[in-house]
Amino acid sequence: VVPKDSPIKTWQDFVAASKQRDLTIGSFSIGTAFHLVWE
């Protein structure tokens, strides 16, 4: 999920933006299912 006014509109936008600048992704603690799914 992204904020409603984010320039990232699609997953492809996210992938492209990550190659152009440093991004941050938030979720649950290290070692949780959320962390491993992200990795």
PDB file of all heavy atoms in Angstrom:
ATOM      1  N   VAL A   1       0.829  -1.203   0.000  1.00  0.00           N
ATOM      2  CA  VAL A   1       0.000   0.000   0.000  1.00  0.00           C
ATOM      3  C   VAL A   1       0.866   1.257   0.000  1.00  0.00           C
ATOM      4  O   VAL A   1       1.991   1.263   0.522  1.00  0.00           O
ATOM      5  CB  VAL A   1      -0.955   0.041   1.219  1.00  0.00           C
ATOM      6  CG1 VAL A   1      -2.020  -1.024   1.102  1.00  0.00           C
ATOM      7  CG2 VAL A   1      -0.185  -0.117   2.531  1.00  0.00           C
ATOM      8  N   VAL A   2       0.336   2.316  -0.591  1.00  0.00           N
ATOM      9  CA  VAL A   2       1.001   3.623  -0.640  1.00  0.00           C
ATOM     10  C   VAL A   2      -0.019   4.690  -0.249  1.00  0.00           C
ATOM     11  O   VAL A   2      -1.236   4.450  -0.303  1.00  0.00           O
ATOM     12  CB  VAL A   2       1.553   3.921  -2.056  1.00  0.00           C
ATOM     13  CG1 VAL A   2       2.647   2.944  -2.434  1.00  0.00           C
ATOM     14  CG2 VAL A   2       0.432   3.902  -3.087  1.00  0.00           C
ATOM     15  N   PRO A   3       0.443   5.881   0.148  1.00  0.00           N
ATOM     16  CA  PRO A   3      -0.504   6.968   0.429  1.00  0.00           C
ATOM     17  C   PRO A   3      -1.300   7.331  -0.819  1.00  0.00           C
ATOM     18  O   PRO A   3      -0.848   7.110  -1.947  1.00  0.00           O
ATOM     19  CB  PRO A   3       0.412   8.119   0.864  1.00  0.00           C
ATOM     20  CG  PRO A   3       1.678   7.466   1.299  1.00  0.00           C
ATOM     21  CD  PRO A   3       1.838   6.263   0.424  1.00  0.00           C
ATOM     22  N   LYS A   4      -2.467   7.894  -0.617  1.00  0.00           N
ATOM     23  CA  LYS A   4      -3.362   8.185  -1.757  1.00  0.00           C
ATOM     24  C   LYS A   4      -2.728   9.130  -2.776  1.00  0.00           C
ATOM     25  O   LYS A   4      -3.020   9.050  -3.969  1.00  0.00           O
ATOM     26  CB  LYS A   4      -4.670   8.784  -1.247  1.00  0.00           C
ATOM     27  CG  LYS A   4      -4.501  10.136  -0.540  1.00  0.00           C
ATOM     28  CD  LYS A   4      -5.835  10.738  -0.163  1.00  0.00           C
ATOM     29  CE  LYS A   4      -5.660  12.123   0.480  1.00  0.00           C
ATOM     30  NZ  LYS A   4      -6.953  12.744   0.820  1.00  0.00           N
ATOM     31  N   ASP A   5      -1.842  10.058  -2.312  1.00  0.00           N
ATOM     32  CA  ASP A   5      -1.246  11.033  -3.229  1.00  0.00           C
ATOM     33  C   ASP A   5       0.156  10.639  -3.678  1.00  0.00           C
ATOM     34  O   ASP A   5       0.892  11.449  -4.249  1.00  0.00           O
ATOM     35  CB  ASP A   5      -1.200  12.419  -2.566  1.00  0.00           C
ATOM     36  CG  ASP A   5      -0.472  12.399  -1.230  1.00  0.00           C
ATOM     37  OD1 ASP A   5      -0.120  11.298  -0.755  1.00  0.00           O
ATOM     38  OD2 ASP A   5      -0.267  13.493  -0.642  1.00  0.00           O
ATOM     39  N   SER A   6       0.546   9.395  -3.457  1.00  0.00           N
ATOM     40  CA  SER A   6       1.881   8.941  -3.844  1.00  0.00           C
ATOM     41  C   SER A   6       2.025   8.906  -5.363  1.00  0.00           C
ATOM     42  O   SER A   6       1.089   8.546  -6.078  1.00  0.00           O
ATOM     43  CB  SER A   6       2.134   7.539  -3.283  1.00  0.00           C
ATOM     44  OG  SER A   6       3.325   6.997  -3.822  1.00  0.00           O
ATOM     45  N   PRO A   7       3.217   9.264  -5.866  1.00  0.00           N
ATOM     46  CA  PRO A   7       3.451   9.148  -7.312  1.00  0.00           C
ATOM     47  C   PRO A   7       3.546   7.694  -7.767  1.00  0.00           C
ATOM     48  O   PRO A   7       3.494   7.403  -8.959  1.00  0.00           O
ATOM     49  CB  PRO A   7       4.788   9.872  -7.502  1.00  0.00           C
ATOM     50  CG  PRO A   7       5.464   9.784  -6.171  1.00  0.00           C
ATOM     51  CD  PRO A   7       4.374   9.851  -5.162  1.00  0.00           C
ATOM     52  N   ILE A   8       3.695   6.787  -6.808  1.00  0.00           N
ATOM     53  CA  ILE A   8       3.728   5.362  -7.127  1.00  0.00           C
ATOM     54  C   ILE A   8       2.290   4.869  -7.278  1.00  0.00           C
ATOM     55  O   ILE A   8       1.549   4.772  -6.308  1.00  0.00           O
ATOM     56  CB  ILE A   8       4.451   4.562  -6.021  1.00  0.00           C
ATOM     57  CG1 ILE A   8       5.908   5.018  -5.900  1.00  0.00           C
ATOM     58  CG2 ILE A   8       4.371   3.069  -6.286  1.00  0.00           C
ATOM     59  CD1 ILE A   8       6.653   4.412  -4.720  1.00  0.00           C
ATOM     60  N   LYS A   9       1.901   4.596  -8.491  1.00  0.00           N
ATOM     61  CA  LYS A   9       0.519   4.189  -8.778  1.00  0.00           C
ATOM     62  C   LYS A   9       0.370   2.683  -8.968  1.00  0.00           C
ATOM     63  O   LYS A   9      -0.720   2.133  -8.777  1.00  0.00           O
ATOM     64  CB  LYS A   9       0.015   4.899 -10.042  1.00  0.00           C
ATOM     65  CG  LYS A   9       0.173   6.418 -10.022  1.00  0.00           C
ATOM     66  CD  LYS A   9      -0.681   7.049  -8.938  1.00  0.00           C
ATOM     67  CE  LYS A   9      -0.568   8.577  -8.997  1.00  0.00           C
ATOM     68  NZ  LYS A   9      -1.285   9.224  -7.867  1.00  0.00           N
ATOM     69  N   THR A  10       1.447   2.023  -9.376  1.00  0.00           N
ATOM     70  CA  THR A  10       1.396   0.591  -9.679  1.00  0.00           C
ATOM     71  C   THR A  10       2.639  -0.095  -9.126  1.00  0.00           C
ATOM     72  O   THR A  10       3.610   0.557  -8.716  1.00  0.00           O
ATOM     73  CB  THR A  10       1.341   0.344 -11.198  1.00  0.00           C
ATOM     74  OG1 THR A  10       2.569   0.814 -11.784  1.00  0.00           O
ATOM     75  CG2 THR A  10       0.165   1.071 -11.831  1.00  0.00           C
ATOM     76  N   TRP A  11       2.635  -1.430  -9.162  1.00  0.00           N
ATOM     77  CA  TRP A  11       3.815  -2.179  -8.744  1.00  0.00           C
ATOM     78  C   TRP A  11       4.998  -1.858  -9.653  1.00  0.00           C
ATOM     79  O   TRP A  11       6.136  -1.704  -9.195  1.00  0.00           O
ATOM     80  CB  TRP A  11       3.518  -3.682  -8.786  1.00  0.00           C
ATOM     81  CG  TRP A  11       4.719  -4.530  -8.509  1.00  0.00           C
ATOM     82  CD1 TRP A  11       5.480  -5.209  -9.411  1.00  0.00           C
ATOM     83  CD2 TRP A  11       5.318  -4.775  -7.228  1.00  0.00           C
ATOM     84  NE1 TRP A  11       6.513  -5.860  -8.780  1.00  0.00           N
ATOM     85  CE2 TRP A  11       6.437  -5.618  -7.443  1.00  0.00           C
ATOM     86  CE3 TRP A  11       5.015  -4.368  -5.929  1.00  0.00           C
ATOM     87  CZ2 TRP A  11       7.253  -6.055  -6.398  1.00  0.00           C
ATOM     88  CZ3 TRP A  11       5.833  -4.804  -4.892  1.00  0.00           C
ATOM     89  CH2 TRP A  11       6.941  -5.639  -5.126  1.00  0.00           C
ATOM     90  N   GLN A  12       4.736  -1.711 -10.947  1.00  0.00           N
ATOM     91  CA  GLN A  12       5.810  -1.365 -11.883  1.00  0.00           C
ATOM     92  C   GLN A  12       6.418  -0.007 -11.530  1.00  0.00           C
ATOM     93  O   GLN A  12       7.636   0.188 -11.662  1.00  0.00           O
ATOM     94  CB  GLN A  12       5.286  -1.353 -13.323  1.00  0.00           C
ATOM     95  CG  GLN A  12       4.901  -2.726 -13.867  1.00  0.00           C
ATOM     96  CD  GLN A  12       3.426  -3.050 -13.639  1.00  0.00           C
ATOM     97  OE1 GLN A  12       2.804  -2.537 -12.707  1.00  0.00           O
ATOM     98  NE2 GLN A  12       2.870  -3.906 -14.487  1.00  0.00           N
ATOM     99  N   ASP A  13       5.588   0.931 -11.088  1.00  0.00           N
ATOM    100  CA  ASP A  13       6.103   2.242 -10.651  1.00  0.00           C
ATOM    101  C   ASP A  13       7.055   2.082  -9.470  1.00  0.00           C
ATOM    102  O   ASP A  13       8.094   2.749  -9.392  1.00  0.00           O
ATOM    103  CB  ASP A  13       4.949   3.162 -10.234  1.00  0.00           C
ATOM    104  CG  ASP A  13       4.118   3.645 -11.404  1.00  0.00           C
ATOM    105  OD1 ASP A  13       4.576   3.526 -12.560  1.00  0.00           O
ATOM    106  OD2 ASP A  13       3.002   4.148 -11.165  1.00  0.00           O
ATOM    107  N   PHE A  14       6.682   1.188  -8.548  1.00  0.00           N
ATOM    108  CA  PHE A  14       7.512   0.949  -7.371  1.00  0.00           C
ATOM    109  C   PHE A  14       8.868   0.380  -7.774  1.00  0.00           C
ATOM    110  O   PHE A  14       9.920   0.831  -7.303  1.00  0.00           O
ATOM    111  CB  PHE A  14       6.785  -0.002  -6.417  1.00  0.00           C
ATOM    112  CG  PHE A  14       7.598  -0.462  -5.241  1.00  0.00           C
ATOM    113  CD1 PHE A  14       8.328   0.435  -4.474  1.00  0.00           C
ATOM    114  CD2 PHE A  14       7.630  -1.803  -4.902  1.00  0.00           C
ATOM    115  CE1 PHE A  14       9.072   0.005  -3.376  1.00  0.00           C
ATOM    116  CE2 PHE A  14       8.362  -2.248  -3.810  1.00  0.00           C
ATOM    117  CZ  PHE A  14       9.092  -1.336  -3.050  1.00  0.00           C
ATOM    118  N   VAL A  15       8.851  -0.615  -8.664  1.00  0.00           N
ATOM    119  CA  VAL A  15      10.100  -1.221  -9.127  1.00  0.00           C
ATOM    120  C   VAL A  15      10.975  -0.176  -9.812  1.00  0.00           C
ATOM    121  O   VAL A  15      12.185  -0.078  -9.551  1.00  0.00           O
ATOM    122  CB  VAL A  15       9.810  -2.389 -10.091  1.00  0.00           C
ATOM    123  CG1 VAL A  15      11.114  -2.944 -10.678  1.00  0.00           C
ATOM    124  CG2 VAL A  15       9.054  -3.505  -9.366  1.00  0.00           C
ATOM    125  N   ALA A  16      10.369   0.628 -10.665  1.00  0.00           N
ATOM    126  CA  ALA A  16      11.130   1.652 -11.388  1.00  0.00           C
ATOM    127  C   ALA A  16      11.698   2.702 -10.439  1.00  0.00           C
ATOM    128  O   ALA A  16      12.864   3.108 -10.560  1.00  0.00           O
ATOM    129  CB  ALA A  16      10.233   2.317 -12.440  1.00  0.00           C
ATOM    130  N   ALA A  17      10.878   3.150  -9.479  1.00  0.00           N
ATOM    131  CA  ALA A  17      11.327   4.177  -8.524  1.00  0.00           C
ATOM    132  C   ALA A  17      12.467   3.672  -7.660  1.00  0.00           C
ATOM    133  O   ALA A  17      13.378   4.430  -7.303  1.00  0.00           O
ATOM    134  CB  ALA A  17      10.154   4.616  -7.657  1.00  0.00           C
ATOM    135  N   SER A  18      12.443   2.370  -7.327  1.00  0.00           N
ATOM    136  CA  SER A  18      13.495   1.813  -6.465  1.00  0.00           C
ATOM    137  C   SER A  18      14.854   1.812  -7.145  1.00  0.00           C
ATOM    138  O   SER A  18      15.893   1.734  -6.478  1.00  0.00           O
ATOM    139  CB  SER A  18      13.123   0.392  -6.048  1.00  0.00           C
ATOM    140  OG  SER A  18      13.327  -0.526  -7.114  1.00  0.00           O
ATOM    141  N   LYS A  19      14.850   1.888  -8.462  1.00  0.00           N
ATOM    142  CA  LYS A  19      16.111   1.902  -9.211  1.00  0.00           C
ATOM    143  C   LYS A  19      16.642   3.324  -9.407  1.00  0.00           C
ATOM    144  O   LYS A  19      17.777   3.511  -9.857  1.00  0.00           O
ATOM    145  CB  LYS A  19      15.907   1.218 -10.573  1.00  0.00           C
ATOM    146  CG  LYS A  19      15.562  -0.263 -10.448  1.00  0.00           C
ATOM    147  CD  LYS A  19      15.281  -0.905 -11.789  1.00  0.00           C
ATOM    148  CE  LYS A  19      14.921  -2.392 -11.615  1.00  0.00           C
ATOM    149  NZ  LYS A  19      14.603  -3.062 -12.890  1.00  0.00           N
ATOM    150  N   GLN A  20      15.801   4.291  -9.073  1.00  0.00           N
ATOM    151  CA  GLN A  20      16.188   5.687  -9.262  1.00  0.00           C
ATOM    152  C   GLN A  20      16.558   6.405  -7.963  1.00  0.00           C
ATOM    153  O   GLN A  20      17.335   7.343  -7.959  1.00  0.00           O
ATOM    154  CB  GLN A  20      15.046   6.436  -9.954  1.00  0.00           C
ATOM    155  CG  GLN A  20      14.723   5.889 -11.347  1.00  0.00           C
ATOM    156  CD  GLN A  20      13.457   6.511 -11.925  1.00  0.00           C
ATOM    157  OE1 GLN A  20      12.767   7.282 -11.259  1.00  0.00           O
ATOM    158  NE2 GLN A  20      13.133   6.165 -13.171  1.00  0.00           N
ATOM    159  N   ARG A  21      15.979   5.948  -6.858  1.00  0.00           N
ATOM    160  CA  ARG A  21      16.255   6.581  -5.569  1.00  0.00           C
ATOM    161  C   ARG A  21      16.051   5.585  -4.441  1.00  0.00           C
ATOM    162  O   ARG A  21      15.468   4.524  -4.630  1.00  0.00           O
ATOM    163  CB  ARG A  21      15.330   7.798  -5.366  1.00  0.00           C
ATOM    164  CG  ARG A  21      13.847   7.474  -5.375  1.00  0.00           C
ATOM    165  CD  ARG A  21      13.004   8.735  -5.342  1.00  0.00           C
ATOM    166  NE  ARG A  21      11.566   8.454  -5.416  1.00  0.00           N
ATOM    167  CZ  ARG A  21      10.778   8.273  -4.371  1.00  0.00           C
ATOM    168  NH1 ARG A  21      11.304   8.344  -3.140  1.00  0.00           N
ATOM    169  NH2 ARG A  21       9.486   8.048  -4.518  1.00  0.00           N
ATOM    170  N   ASP A  22      16.577   5.926  -3.265  1.00  0.00           N
ATOM    171  CA  ASP A  22      16.423   5.061  -2.103  1.00  0.00           C
ATOM    172  C   ASP A  22      14.997   5.151  -1.570  1.00  0.00           C
ATOM    173  O   ASP A  22      14.495   6.237  -1.292  1.00  0.00           O
ATOM    174  CB  ASP A  22      17.408   5.461  -1.007  1.00  0.00           C
ATOM    175  CG  ASP A  22      18.857   5.203  -1.402  1.00  0.00           C
ATOM    176  OD1 ASP A  22      19.076   4.296  -2.226  1.00  0.00           O
ATOM    177  OD2 ASP A  22      19.747   5.902  -0.902  1.00  0.00           O
ATOM    178  N   LEU A  23      14.353   4.004  -1.416  1.00  0.00           N
ATOM    179  CA  LEU A  23      12.985   3.954  -0.902  1.00  0.00           C
ATOM    180  C   LEU A  23      12.965   3.223   0.433  1.00  0.00           C
ATOM    181  O   LEU A  23      13.863   2.450   0.766  1.00  0.00           O
ATOM    182  CB  LEU A  23      12.072   3.226  -1.889  1.00  0.00           C
ATOM    183  CG  LEU A  23      11.904   3.843  -3.277  1.00  0.00           C
ATOM    184  CD1 LEU A  23      11.005   2.942  -4.130  1.00  0.00           C
ATOM    185  CD2 LEU A  23      11.324   5.239  -3.189  1.00  0.00           C
ATOM    186  N   THR A  24      11.904   3.462   1.205  1.00  0.00           N
ATOM    187  CA  THR A  24      11.719   2.768   2.476  1.00  0.00           C
ATOM    188  C   THR A  24      10.389   2.028   2.445  1.00  0.00           C
ATOM    189  O   THR A  24       9.382   2.545   1.965  1.00  0.00           O
ATOM    190  CB  THR A  24      11.707   3.745   3.660  1.00  0.00           C
ATOM    191  OG1 THR A  24      10.738   4.775   3.407  1.00  0.00           O
ATOM    192  CG2 THR A  24      13.073   4.378   3.858  1.00  0.00           C
ATOM    193  N   ILE A  25      10.415   0.797   2.969  1.00  0.00           N
ATOM    194  CA  ILE A  25       9.189   0.016   3.083  1.00  0.00           C
ATOM    195  C   ILE A  25       8.987  -0.370   4.543  1.00  0.00           C
ATOM    196  O   ILE A  25       9.901  -0.847   5.202  1.00  0.00           O
ATOM    197  CB  ILE A  25       9.220  -1.239   2.181  1.00  0.00           C
ATOM    198  CG1 ILE A  25       7.921  -2.042   2.339  1.00  0.00           C
ATOM    199  CG2 ILE A  25      10.444  -2.114   2.452  1.00  0.00           C
ATOM    200  CD1 ILE A  25       7.714  -3.096   1.288  1.00  0.00           C
ATOM    201  N   GLY A  26       7.798  -0.133   5.036  1.00  0.00           N
ATOM    202  CA  GLY A  26       7.510  -0.422   6.431  1.00  0.00           C
ATOM    203  C   GLY A  26       6.650  -1.666   6.588  1.00  0.00           C
ATOM    204  O   GLY A  26       5.790  -1.952   5.754  1.00  0.00           O
ATOM    205  N   SER A  27       6.901  -2.401   7.665  1.00  0.00           N
ATOM    206  CA  SER A  27       6.079  -3.556   7.997  1.00  0.00           C
ATOM    207  C   SER A  27       6.458  -4.037   9.395  1.00  0.00           C
ATOM    208  O   SER A  27       7.103  -3.311  10.141  1.00  0.00           O
ATOM    209  CB  SER A  27       6.250  -4.672   6.961  1.00  0.00           C
ATOM    210  OG  SER A  27       5.176  -5.597   7.063  1.00  0.00           O
ATOM    211  N   PHE A  28       6.090  -5.288   9.722  1.00  0.00           N
ATOM    212  CA  PHE A  28       6.305  -5.791  11.073  1.00  0.00           C
ATOM    213  C   PHE A  28       7.759  -6.177  11.337  1.00  0.00           C
ATOM    214  O   PHE A  28       8.612  -6.114  10.461  1.00  0.00           O
ATOM    215  CB  PHE A  28       5.382  -6.985  11.334  1.00  0.00           C
ATOM    216  CG  PHE A  28       3.975  -6.579  11.676  1.00  0.00           C
ATOM    217  CD1 PHE A  28       3.007  -6.495  10.687  1.00  0.00           C
ATOM    218  CD2 PHE A  28       3.629  -6.270  12.971  1.00  0.00           C
ATOM    219  CE1 PHE A  28       1.709  -6.124  10.995  1.00  0.00           C
ATOM    220  CE2 PHE A  28       2.334  -5.905  13.297  1.00  0.00           C
ATOM    221  CZ  PHE A  28       1.368  -5.824  12.296  1.00  0.00           C
ATOM    222  N   SER A  29       7.981  -6.606  12.555  1.00  0.00           N
ATOM    223  CA  SER A  29       9.322  -6.846  13.076  1.00  0.00           C
ATOM    224  C   SER A  29      10.148  -7.824  12.247  1.00  0.00           C
ATOM    225  O   SER A  29       9.614  -8.644  11.502  1.00  0.00           O
ATOM    226  CB  SER A  29       9.229  -7.372  14.512  1.00  0.00           C
ATOM    227  OG  SER A  29       8.488  -6.489  15.326  1.00  0.00           O
ATOM    228  N   ILE A  30      11.471  -7.739  12.421  1.00  0.00           N
ATOM    229  CA  ILE A  30      12.405  -8.631  11.768  1.00  0.00           C
ATOM    230  C   ILE A  30      12.082 -10.092  12.139  1.00  0.00           C
ATOM    231  O   ILE A  30      11.833 -10.415  13.298  1.00  0.00           O
ATOM    232  CB  ILE A  30      13.851  -8.307  12.191  1.00  0.00           C
ATOM    233  CG1 ILE A  30      14.228  -6.877  11.759  1.00  0.00           C
ATOM    234  CG2 ILE A  30      14.827  -9.324  11.625  1.00  0.00           C
ATOM    235  CD1 ILE A  30      14.276  -6.674  10.269  1.00  0.00           C
ATOM    236  N   GLY A  31      12.086 -10.953  11.125  1.00  0.00           N
ATOM    237  CA  GLY A  31      11.839 -12.366  11.356  1.00  0.00           C
ATOM    238  C   GLY A  31      10.393 -12.787  11.276  1.00  0.00           C
ATOM    239  O   GLY A  31      10.092 -13.985  11.346  1.00  0.00           O
ATOM    240  N   THR A  32       9.476 -11.824  11.140  1.00  0.00           N
ATOM    241  CA  THR A  32       8.053 -12.165  11.012  1.00  0.00           C
ATOM    242  C   THR A  32       7.750 -12.575   9.566  1.00  0.00           C
ATOM    243  O   THR A  32       8.570 -12.411   8.660  1.00  0.00           O
ATOM    244  CB  THR A  32       7.161 -10.975  11.380  1.00  0.00           C
ATOM    245  OG1 THR A  32       7.452  -9.880  10.480  1.00  0.00           O
ATOM    246  CG2 THR A  32       7.419 -10.522  12.810  1.00  0.00           C
ATOM    247  N   ALA A  33       6.543 -13.095   9.365  1.00  0.00           N
ATOM    248  CA  ALA A  33       6.132 -13.479   8.016  1.00  0.00           C
ATOM    249  C   ALA A  33       6.194 -12.286   7.067  1.00  0.00           C
ATOM    250  O   ALA A  33       6.567 -12.433   5.894  1.00  0.00           O
ATOM    251  CB  ALA A  33       4.722 -14.055   8.049  1.00  0.00           C
ATOM    252  N   PHE A  34       5.836 -11.106   7.550  1.00  0.00           N
ATOM    253  CA  PHE A  34       5.861  -9.904   6.705  1.00  0.00           C
ATOM    254  C   PHE A  34       7.276  -9.632   6.209  1.00  0.00           C
ATOM    255  O   PHE A  34       7.490  -9.338   5.031  1.00  0.00           O
ATOM    256  CB  PHE A  34       5.339  -8.701   7.492  1.00  0.00           C
ATOM    257  CG  PHE A  34       3.874  -8.758   7.792  1.00  0.00           C
ATOM    258  CD1 PHE A  34       3.413  -9.397   8.935  1.00  0.00           C
ATOM    259  CD2 PHE A  34       2.941  -8.192   6.936  1.00  0.00           C
ATOM    260  CE1 PHE A  34       2.052  -9.466   9.212  1.00  0.00           C
ATOM    261  CE2 PHE A  34       1.585  -8.260   7.204  1.00  0.00           C
ATOM    262  CZ  PHE A  34       1.143  -8.901   8.349  1.00  0.00           C
ATOM    263  N   HIS A  35       8.230  -9.698   7.116  1.00  0.00           N
ATOM    264  CA  HIS A  35       9.624  -9.458   6.744  1.00  0.00           C
ATOM    265  C   HIS A  35      10.104 -10.467   5.708  1.00  0.00           C
ATOM    266  O   HIS A  35      10.700 -10.103   4.689  1.00  0.00           O
ATOM    267  CB  HIS A  35      10.501  -9.534   8.004  1.00  0.00           C
ATOM    268  CG  HIS A  35      11.956  -9.340   7.735  1.00  0.00           C
ATOM    269  ND1 HIS A  35      12.934  -9.960   8.458  1.00  0.00           N
ATOM    270  CD2 HIS A  35      12.607  -8.605   6.780  1.00  0.00           C
ATOM    271  CE1 HIS A  35      14.121  -9.608   7.991  1.00  0.00           C
ATOM    272  NE2 HIS A  35      13.947  -8.792   6.974  1.00  0.00           N
ATOM    273  N   LEU A  36       9.818 -11.753   5.937  1.00  0.00           N
ATOM    274  CA  LEU A  36      10.288 -12.785   5.015  1.00  0.00           C
ATOM    275  C   LEU A  36       9.587 -12.705   3.660  1.00  0.00           C
ATOM    276  O   LEU A  36      10.206 -12.936   2.616  1.00  0.00           O
ATOM    277  CB  LEU A  36      10.098 -14.165   5.641  1.00  0.00           C
ATOM    278  CG  LEU A  36      11.211 -14.680   6.553  1.00  0.00           C
ATOM    279  CD1 LEU A  36      12.522 -14.830   5.779  1.00  0.00           C
ATOM    280  CD2 LEU A  36      11.442 -13.776   7.753  1.00  0.00           C
ATOM    281  N   VAL A  37       8.289 -12.377   3.659  1.00  0.00           N
ATOM    282  CA  VAL A  37       7.575 -12.215   2.383  1.00  0.00           C
ATOM    283  C   VAL A  37       8.189 -11.065   1.590  1.00  0.00           C
ATOM    284  O   VAL A  37       8.377 -11.165   0.366  1.00  0.00           O
ATOM    285  CB  VAL A  37       6.069 -11.971   2.620  1.00  0.00           C
ATOM    286  CG1 VAL A  37       5.391 -11.454   1.346  1.00  0.00           C
ATOM    287  CG2 VAL A  37       5.391 -13.260   3.070  1.00  0.00           C
ATOM    288  N   TRP A  38       8.518  -9.975   2.285  1.00  0.00           N
ATOM    289  CA  TRP A  38       9.147  -8.854   1.592  1.00  0.00           C
ATOM    290  C   TRP A  38      10.475  -9.277   0.975  1.00  0.00           C
ATOM    291  O   TRP A  38      10.746  -8.995  -0.196  1.00  0.00           O
ATOM    292  CB  TRP A  38       9.361  -7.667   2.527  1.00  0.00           C
ATOM    293  CG  TRP A  38      10.431  -6.734   2.025  1.00  0.00           C
ATOM    294  CD1 TRP A  38      11.632  -6.460   2.601  1.00  0.00           C
ATOM    295  CD2 TRP A  38      10.407  -5.966   0.799  1.00  0.00           C
ATOM    296  NE1 TRP A  38      12.362  -5.591   1.818  1.00  0.00           N
ATOM    297  CE2 TRP A  38      11.630  -5.277   0.708  1.00  0.00           C
ATOM    298  CE3 TRP A  38       9.479  -5.819  -0.222  1.00  0.00           C
ATOM    299  CZ2 TRP A  38      11.941  -4.434  -0.358  1.00  0.00           C
ATOM    300  CZ3 TRP A  38       9.787  -4.983  -1.298  1.00  0.00           C
ATOM    301  CH2 TRP A  38      11.001  -4.302  -1.349  1.00  0.00           C
ATOM    302  N   GLU A  39      11.306  -9.957   1.744  1.00  0.00           N
ATOM    303  CA  GLU A  39      12.620 -10.347   1.247  1.00  0.00           C
ATOM    304  C   GLU A  39      12.500 -11.307   0.063  1.00  0.00           C
ATOM    305  O   GLU A  39      13.245 -11.191  -0.919  1.00  0.00           O
ATOM    306  CB  GLU A  39      13.441 -10.997   2.371  1.00  0.00           C
ATOM    307  CG  GLU A  39      13.788 -10.061   3.531  1.00  0.00           C
ATOM    308  CD  GLU A  39      14.769  -8.959   3.154  1.00  0.00           C
ATOM    309  OE1 GLU A  39      15.323  -8.997   2.037  1.00  0.00           O
ATOM    310  OE2 GLU A  39      14.976  -8.050   3.981  1.00  0.00           O
TER     311      GLU A  39
END
